[in-house]
């Protein structure tokens, strides 16, 4: 009984560290890149690879980030797996490396350029976890660059460099600004702990209100770029579904900003977490809009969207406050 209880505690600690509410975004970004390049959902084997490999890489990055954040977490969030002693720092590195190697091994089944992108993503993950996370906008831009690489991972799985249309290159900017923005909003909830720990994040450096203005500017940029690509290219063969989900995503963003601006200087950590939970939902909606607007079978594409959204929302509801709040 004691052994079973310890094993259950250990497995749950690893499950928390994986942050399941964040995993589907990176898989969807990679998959949508492939869908846009292919003009439909790629063959099942390719679709599974380009979805799962970024997820493995993302998990590895989360383990690495928690390893480097263990000192700050011991002060700010001592209940987390590493500072609480449920997982040792060495164990975190070993499990993170295992996920990274799994992703690397599966990448050998894809074109050689995907292997290069895996190493590039690994470098960006290391730079973010070790150096740039605490460096304001530099860290946010680092996160945006990681998502661009994830998007290109899907694009290049089905094409050569010379065959990619300009509209798909412009979407690199869309996902760069989108995830830069998401990372900025995510940092708001930890502003007090980051300040005390010496992390000069964007909210710490500029304050909450200026950070929100930066975020709104980035939202307008990536949405205008998205509408521009849609209007001046033919990469979205099913525009009704695409525009429907894009509109739902914009409404979700509006709800997020309503929470943040209404609270103002009285913003609590719980409110900022709730706001970022809405952004996490918007990420799933936004990425799925491209897939639903591209895939020929709407039942299939909507099923992918709904499964990812439901699992994301459910895992946020069950796990996130417990893991994120101090």
Protein backbone atom coordinates (compact mmCIF):
# COMPACT_ATOMS: atom_id res chain seq x y z
CA UNK A 1 0.00 0.00 0.00
CA UNK A 2 2.80 2.41 0.89
CA UNK A 3 4.68 1.62 -2.33
CA UNK A 4 1.52 2.09 -4.41
CA UNK A 5 0.87 5.45 -2.73
CA UNK A 6 4.43 6.63 -3.37
CA UNK A 7 4.23 5.53 -7.01
CA UNK A 8 0.92 7.36 -7.44
CA UNK A 9 2.41 10.53 -5.94
CA UNK A 10 5.45 10.26 -8.21
CA UNK A 11 3.43 9.71 -11.39
CA UNK A 12 1.08 12.58 -10.56
CA UNK A 13 4.07 14.87 -9.96
CA UNK A 14 5.37 14.06 -13.44
CA UNK A 15 1.89 14.60 -14.88
CA UNK A 16 1.79 18.06 -13.28
CA UNK A 17 5.25 18.88 -14.61
CA UNK A 18 4.11 18.02 -18.13
CA UNK A 19 1.35 20.70 -17.91
CA UNK A 20 -1.12 18.81 -20.16
CA UNK A 21 -3.11 22.02 -20.71
CA UNK A 22 -0.19 23.42 -22.73
CA UNK A 23 0.65 20.39 -24.87
CA UNK A 24 -1.92 20.47 -27.67
CA UNK A 25 -1.02 23.98 -28.85
CA UNK A 26 2.43 23.05 -30.14
CA UNK A 27 1.13 19.89 -31.80
CA UNK A 28 -1.63 21.83 -33.53
CA UNK A 29 0.76 24.54 -34.74
CA UNK A 30 2.97 21.92 -36.37
CA UNK A 31 -0.04 20.10 -37.82
CA UNK A 32 -1.57 23.26 -39.28
CA UNK A 33 1.73 24.04 -41.02
CA UNK A 34 1.58 20.66 -42.71
CA UNK A 35 -2.13 21.04 -43.55
CA UNK A 36 -1.56 24.42 -45.21
CA UNK A 37 1.35 23.03 -47.22
CA UNK A 38 -0.47 19.83 -48.20
CA UNK A 39 -3.84 21.49 -48.81
CA UNK A 40 -5.59 18.94 -46.60
CA UNK A 41 -4.85 16.71 -43.64
CA UNK A 42 -1.63 14.82 -44.51
CA UNK A 43 -1.50 11.01 -44.44
CA UNK A 44 -2.13 9.61 -40.96
CA UNK A 45 1.47 8.53 -40.32
CA UNK A 46 2.82 11.98 -41.18
CA UNK A 47 0.08 13.76 -39.23
CA UNK A 48 0.82 11.74 -36.10
CA UNK A 49 4.56 12.34 -36.35
CA UNK A 50 4.34 16.09 -36.85
CA UNK A 51 1.85 16.36 -33.99
CA UNK A 52 3.59 14.13 -31.46
CA UNK A 53 7.23 15.17 -32.00
CA UNK A 54 6.69 18.84 -31.01
CA UNK A 55 4.69 17.66 -27.99
CA UNK A 56 7.63 15.53 -26.84
CA UNK A 57 9.95 18.49 -27.38
CA UNK A 58 7.60 20.77 -25.45
CA UNK A 59 7.52 18.37 -22.50
CA UNK A 60 11.31 18.17 -22.52
CA UNK A 61 11.44 21.97 -22.47
CA UNK A 62 9.06 22.14 -19.50
CA UNK A 63 11.24 19.74 -17.53
CA UNK A 64 14.33 21.79 -18.37
CA UNK A 65 12.62 25.05 -17.41
CA UNK A 66 11.52 23.61 -14.07
CA UNK A 67 15.08 22.44 -13.44
CA UNK A 68 16.49 25.94 -13.95
CA UNK A 69 13.60 27.53 -12.01
CA UNK A 70 13.93 25.25 -9.00
CA UNK A 71 15.55 27.91 -6.78
CA UNK A 72 12.86 30.49 -7.56
CA UNK A 73 10.11 27.88 -7.18
CA UNK A 74 11.46 26.94 -3.75
CA UNK A 75 10.62 30.50 -2.67
CA UNK A 76 7.57 31.27 -4.78
CA UNK A 77 5.92 27.88 -5.33
CA UNK A 78 7.34 25.35 -2.85
CA UNK A 79 4.45 22.96 -3.54
CA UNK A 80 5.75 22.19 -7.05
CA UNK A 81 7.27 18.74 -7.67
CA UNK A 82 10.97 19.69 -7.46
CA UNK A 83 11.02 21.98 -4.39
CA UNK A 84 8.54 19.72 -2.58
CA UNK A 85 10.87 16.75 -3.10
CA UNK A 86 8.42 14.66 -5.13
CA UNK A 87 10.88 14.71 -8.05
CA UNK A 88 14.64 15.17 -7.73
CA UNK A 89 16.52 17.62 -9.99
CA UNK A 90 18.48 14.73 -11.47
CA UNK A 91 15.27 12.84 -12.21
CA UNK A 92 13.87 15.91 -13.97
CA UNK A 93 16.90 16.11 -16.25
CA UNK A 94 16.75 12.38 -17.04
CA UNK A 95 13.04 12.33 -17.86
CA UNK A 96 13.32 15.54 -19.88
CA UNK A 97 16.23 14.06 -21.83
CA UNK A 98 14.17 10.91 -22.48
CA UNK A 99 11.37 12.92 -24.06
CA UNK A 100 13.89 14.89 -26.12
CA UNK A 101 15.48 11.67 -27.38
CA UNK A 102 12.08 10.20 -28.24
CA UNK A 103 11.29 13.24 -30.33
CA UNK A 104 14.71 13.17 -31.95
CA UNK A 105 14.40 9.49 -32.83
CA UNK A 106 10.99 9.94 -34.43
CA UNK A 107 12.29 12.91 -36.43
CA UNK A 108 14.62 10.53 -38.29
CA UNK A 109 11.49 9.34 -40.11
CA UNK A 110 11.02 12.82 -41.62
CA UNK A 111 13.11 14.87 -44.09
CA UNK A 112 16.60 15.94 -43.03
CA UNK A 113 15.60 19.59 -42.61
CA UNK A 114 13.22 18.55 -39.82
CA UNK A 115 16.22 17.18 -37.94
CA UNK A 116 17.90 20.58 -38.24
CA UNK A 117 14.72 22.25 -36.93
CA UNK A 118 14.68 19.91 -33.92
CA UNK A 119 18.20 20.98 -32.97
CA UNK A 120 17.29 24.63 -33.54
CA UNK A 121 14.23 24.24 -31.32
CA UNK A 122 16.38 22.56 -28.67
CA UNK A 123 18.80 25.48 -28.72
CA UNK A 124 15.95 27.99 -28.36
CA UNK A 125 14.45 25.98 -25.49
CA UNK A 126 17.80 25.95 -23.67
CA UNK A 127 18.34 29.68 -24.22
CA UNK A 128 14.86 30.44 -22.91
CA UNK A 129 15.06 28.20 -19.85
CA UNK A 130 18.60 29.19 -18.87
CA UNK A 131 19.03 32.81 -20.00
CA UNK A 132 16.24 34.79 -21.67
CA UNK A 133 13.17 33.91 -19.59
CA UNK A 134 14.15 36.53 -17.03
CA UNK A 135 15.14 39.17 -19.62
CA UNK A 136 11.86 40.90 -20.46
CA UNK A 137 10.86 41.11 -24.10
CA UNK A 138 13.94 39.14 -25.14
CA UNK A 139 12.49 36.10 -23.38
CA UNK A 140 9.06 36.69 -24.91
CA UNK A 141 10.59 36.94 -28.40
CA UNK A 142 12.54 33.75 -27.67
CA UNK A 143 9.25 31.96 -26.98
CA UNK A 144 7.74 33.37 -30.17
CA UNK A 145 10.72 32.07 -32.15
CA UNK A 146 10.22 28.60 -30.68
CA UNK A 147 6.66 28.53 -32.00
CA UNK A 148 7.81 29.67 -35.44
CA UNK A 149 10.20 26.71 -35.56
CA UNK A 150 7.34 24.43 -34.52
CA UNK A 151 5.19 25.78 -37.35
CA UNK A 152 8.01 25.34 -39.88
CA UNK A 153 8.52 21.79 -38.61
CA UNK A 154 5.08 20.96 -39.99
CA UNK A 155 5.56 22.94 -43.19
CA UNK A 156 8.90 21.33 -44.09
CA UNK A 157 7.69 17.81 -43.35
CA UNK A 158 5.94 17.90 -46.74
CA UNK A 159 7.95 20.33 -48.84
CA UNK A 160 11.33 21.67 -49.86
CA UNK A 161 12.54 25.16 -49.05
CA UNK A 162 11.92 26.50 -52.55
CA UNK A 163 8.33 25.24 -52.83
CA UNK A 164 6.88 27.15 -49.87
CA UNK A 165 4.57 30.00 -50.97
CA UNK A 166 5.11 33.50 -49.59
CA UNK A 167 1.82 33.40 -47.67
CA UNK A 168 3.14 30.56 -45.51
CA UNK A 169 6.32 32.53 -44.79
CA UNK A 170 4.22 35.50 -43.67
CA UNK A 171 2.43 33.22 -41.22
CA UNK A 172 5.78 32.83 -39.45
CA UNK A 173 5.25 36.41 -38.26
CA UNK A 174 1.70 35.57 -37.17
CA UNK A 175 2.84 32.78 -34.88
CA UNK A 176 5.87 34.74 -33.70
CA UNK A 177 3.75 37.64 -32.47
CA UNK A 178 0.98 35.35 -31.21
CA UNK A 179 3.15 33.28 -28.89
CA UNK A 180 5.25 36.26 -27.86
CA UNK A 181 1.96 37.76 -26.71
CA UNK A 182 0.82 34.61 -24.93
CA UNK A 183 4.10 34.44 -23.04
CA UNK A 184 3.77 38.07 -21.94
CA UNK A 185 0.26 37.49 -20.56
CA UNK A 186 1.43 34.33 -18.81
CA UNK A 187 4.13 36.26 -16.96
CA UNK A 188 1.63 38.66 -15.37
CA UNK A 189 0.44 36.11 -12.80
CA UNK A 190 3.99 35.69 -11.42
CA UNK A 191 4.99 39.35 -11.40
CA UNK A 192 5.45 39.62 -7.62
CA UNK A 193 7.39 36.38 -7.28
CA UNK A 194 9.52 37.13 -10.33
CA UNK A 195 10.38 40.57 -8.95
CA UNK A 196 11.45 39.15 -5.60
CA UNK A 197 13.46 36.43 -7.34
CA UNK A 198 15.31 38.87 -9.61
CA UNK A 199 13.52 37.86 -12.82
CA UNK A 200 13.12 41.01 -14.95
CA UNK A 201 10.13 39.85 -16.99
CA UNK A 202 8.11 42.24 -19.13
CA UNK A 203 5.47 42.90 -16.40
CA UNK A 204 8.26 43.46 -13.85
CA UNK A 205 10.11 45.88 -16.13
CA UNK A 206 7.17 47.89 -17.50
CA UNK A 207 4.36 47.33 -15.02
CA UNK A 208 1.01 45.67 -15.62
CA UNK A 209 -0.73 48.48 -17.53
CA UNK A 210 2.09 49.08 -20.04
CA UNK A 211 2.41 45.32 -20.45
CA UNK A 212 -1.27 45.11 -21.37
CA UNK A 213 -0.83 47.83 -23.99
CA UNK A 214 2.10 45.90 -25.47
CA UNK A 215 -0.08 42.78 -25.50
CA UNK A 216 -2.97 44.54 -27.23
CA UNK A 217 -0.60 45.88 -29.87
CA UNK A 218 0.73 42.38 -30.53
CA UNK A 219 -2.83 41.01 -30.72
CA UNK A 220 -3.75 43.57 -33.35
CA UNK A 221 -0.58 42.84 -35.31
CA UNK A 222 -1.05 39.07 -35.53
CA UNK A 223 -4.77 39.35 -36.23
CA UNK A 224 -4.26 41.92 -39.01
CA UNK A 225 -1.50 39.77 -40.51
CA UNK A 226 -3.81 36.76 -40.36
CA UNK A 227 -6.61 38.61 -42.12
CA UNK A 228 -4.13 39.93 -44.68
CA UNK A 229 -2.87 36.45 -45.52
CA UNK A 230 -6.46 35.19 -45.76
CA UNK A 231 -7.53 38.09 -47.99
CA UNK A 232 -4.61 38.08 -50.44
CA UNK A 233 -3.92 34.35 -50.80
CA UNK A 234 -5.86 31.17 -51.49
CA UNK A 235 -4.44 28.97 -48.74
CA UNK A 236 -7.80 28.70 -46.91
CA UNK A 237 -10.20 26.71 -49.15
CA UNK A 238 -13.01 26.68 -46.55
CA UNK A 239 -13.17 30.29 -45.36
CA UNK A 240 -16.54 30.09 -43.56
CA UNK A 241 -15.25 27.67 -40.94
CA UNK A 242 -11.95 29.55 -40.67
CA UNK A 243 -13.61 32.92 -40.08
CA UNK A 244 -16.08 31.42 -37.61
CA UNK A 245 -13.33 30.10 -35.36
CA UNK A 246 -11.24 33.23 -35.83
CA UNK A 247 -14.21 35.26 -34.58
CA UNK A 248 -14.66 32.96 -31.57
CA UNK A 249 -10.97 33.40 -30.80
CA UNK A 250 -11.27 37.19 -30.95
CA UNK A 251 -14.22 37.07 -28.54
CA UNK A 252 -12.11 34.96 -26.18
CA UNK A 253 -9.32 37.53 -26.34
CA UNK A 254 -11.83 40.29 -25.57
CA UNK A 255 -12.96 38.41 -22.45
CA UNK A 256 -9.33 38.07 -21.39
CA UNK A 257 -8.62 41.77 -21.76
CA UNK A 258 -11.88 42.62 -19.99
CA UNK A 259 -10.67 40.73 -16.91
CA UNK A 260 -7.23 42.32 -16.98
CA UNK A 261 -8.24 45.94 -17.64
CA UNK A 262 -11.25 45.87 -15.28
CA UNK A 263 -9.10 44.70 -12.37
CA UNK A 264 -6.42 47.29 -13.11
CA UNK A 265 -4.03 47.85 -10.21
CA UNK A 266 -6.15 45.51 -8.05
CA UNK A 267 -5.41 42.53 -10.32
CA UNK A 268 -4.95 39.38 -8.28
CA UNK A 269 -2.88 36.35 -9.18
CA UNK A 270 -6.04 34.28 -9.50
CA UNK A 271 -7.56 36.80 -11.95
CA UNK A 272 -4.39 36.92 -14.05
CA UNK A 273 -4.31 33.13 -14.13
CA UNK A 274 -7.94 33.09 -15.27
CA UNK A 275 -7.06 35.57 -18.02
CA UNK A 276 -4.20 33.42 -19.26
CA UNK A 277 -6.44 30.35 -19.18
CA UNK A 278 -8.60 32.16 -21.72
CA UNK A 279 -5.52 32.84 -23.86
CA UNK A 280 -4.61 29.15 -23.67
CA UNK A 281 -8.10 28.34 -24.95
CA UNK A 282 -7.71 30.97 -27.70
CA UNK A 283 -4.48 29.31 -28.80
CA UNK A 284 -6.34 26.06 -29.47
CA UNK A 285 -9.13 27.92 -31.28
CA UNK A 286 -6.70 29.99 -33.36
CA UNK A 287 -4.57 27.04 -34.48
CA UNK A 288 -7.64 24.92 -35.17
CA UNK A 289 -9.12 27.66 -37.36
CA UNK A 290 -6.37 27.06 -39.93
CA UNK A 291 -6.85 23.29 -39.80
CA UNK A 292 -10.64 23.50 -40.11
CA UNK A 293 -10.28 26.02 -42.92
CA UNK A 294 -7.98 23.67 -44.83
CA UNK A 295 -9.07 20.07 -44.23
CA UNK A 296 -11.60 18.68 -46.70
CA UNK A 297 -13.63 16.70 -44.13
CA UNK A 298 -15.13 19.13 -41.59
CA UNK A 299 -16.23 16.33 -39.26
CA UNK A 300 -12.62 15.19 -38.95
CA UNK A 301 -11.13 18.65 -38.46
CA UNK A 302 -13.81 19.72 -35.97
CA UNK A 303 -13.23 16.46 -34.06
CA UNK A 304 -9.52 17.26 -33.74
CA UNK A 305 -10.40 20.76 -32.55
CA UNK A 306 -12.98 19.64 -29.99
CA UNK A 307 -10.81 16.88 -28.52
CA UNK A 308 -7.87 19.27 -28.08
CA UNK A 309 -10.05 22.04 -26.65
CA UNK A 310 -11.95 19.81 -24.21
CA UNK A 311 -8.77 18.14 -22.91
CA UNK A 312 -7.08 21.52 -22.57
CA UNK A 313 -9.97 23.09 -20.66
CA UNK A 314 -10.48 20.01 -18.49
CA UNK A 315 -6.82 19.74 -17.52
CA UNK A 316 -6.70 23.48 -16.78
CA UNK A 317 -9.73 23.13 -14.51
CA UNK A 318 -8.35 20.12 -12.66
CA UNK A 319 -4.66 20.97 -12.42
CA UNK A 320 -3.67 24.52 -13.18
CA UNK A 321 -4.62 26.47 -10.06
CA UNK A 322 -3.02 23.79 -7.90
CA UNK A 323 0.22 23.98 -9.89
CA UNK A 324 0.50 27.67 -10.78
CA UNK A 325 -0.79 29.64 -7.79
CA UNK A 326 1.47 30.46 -4.86
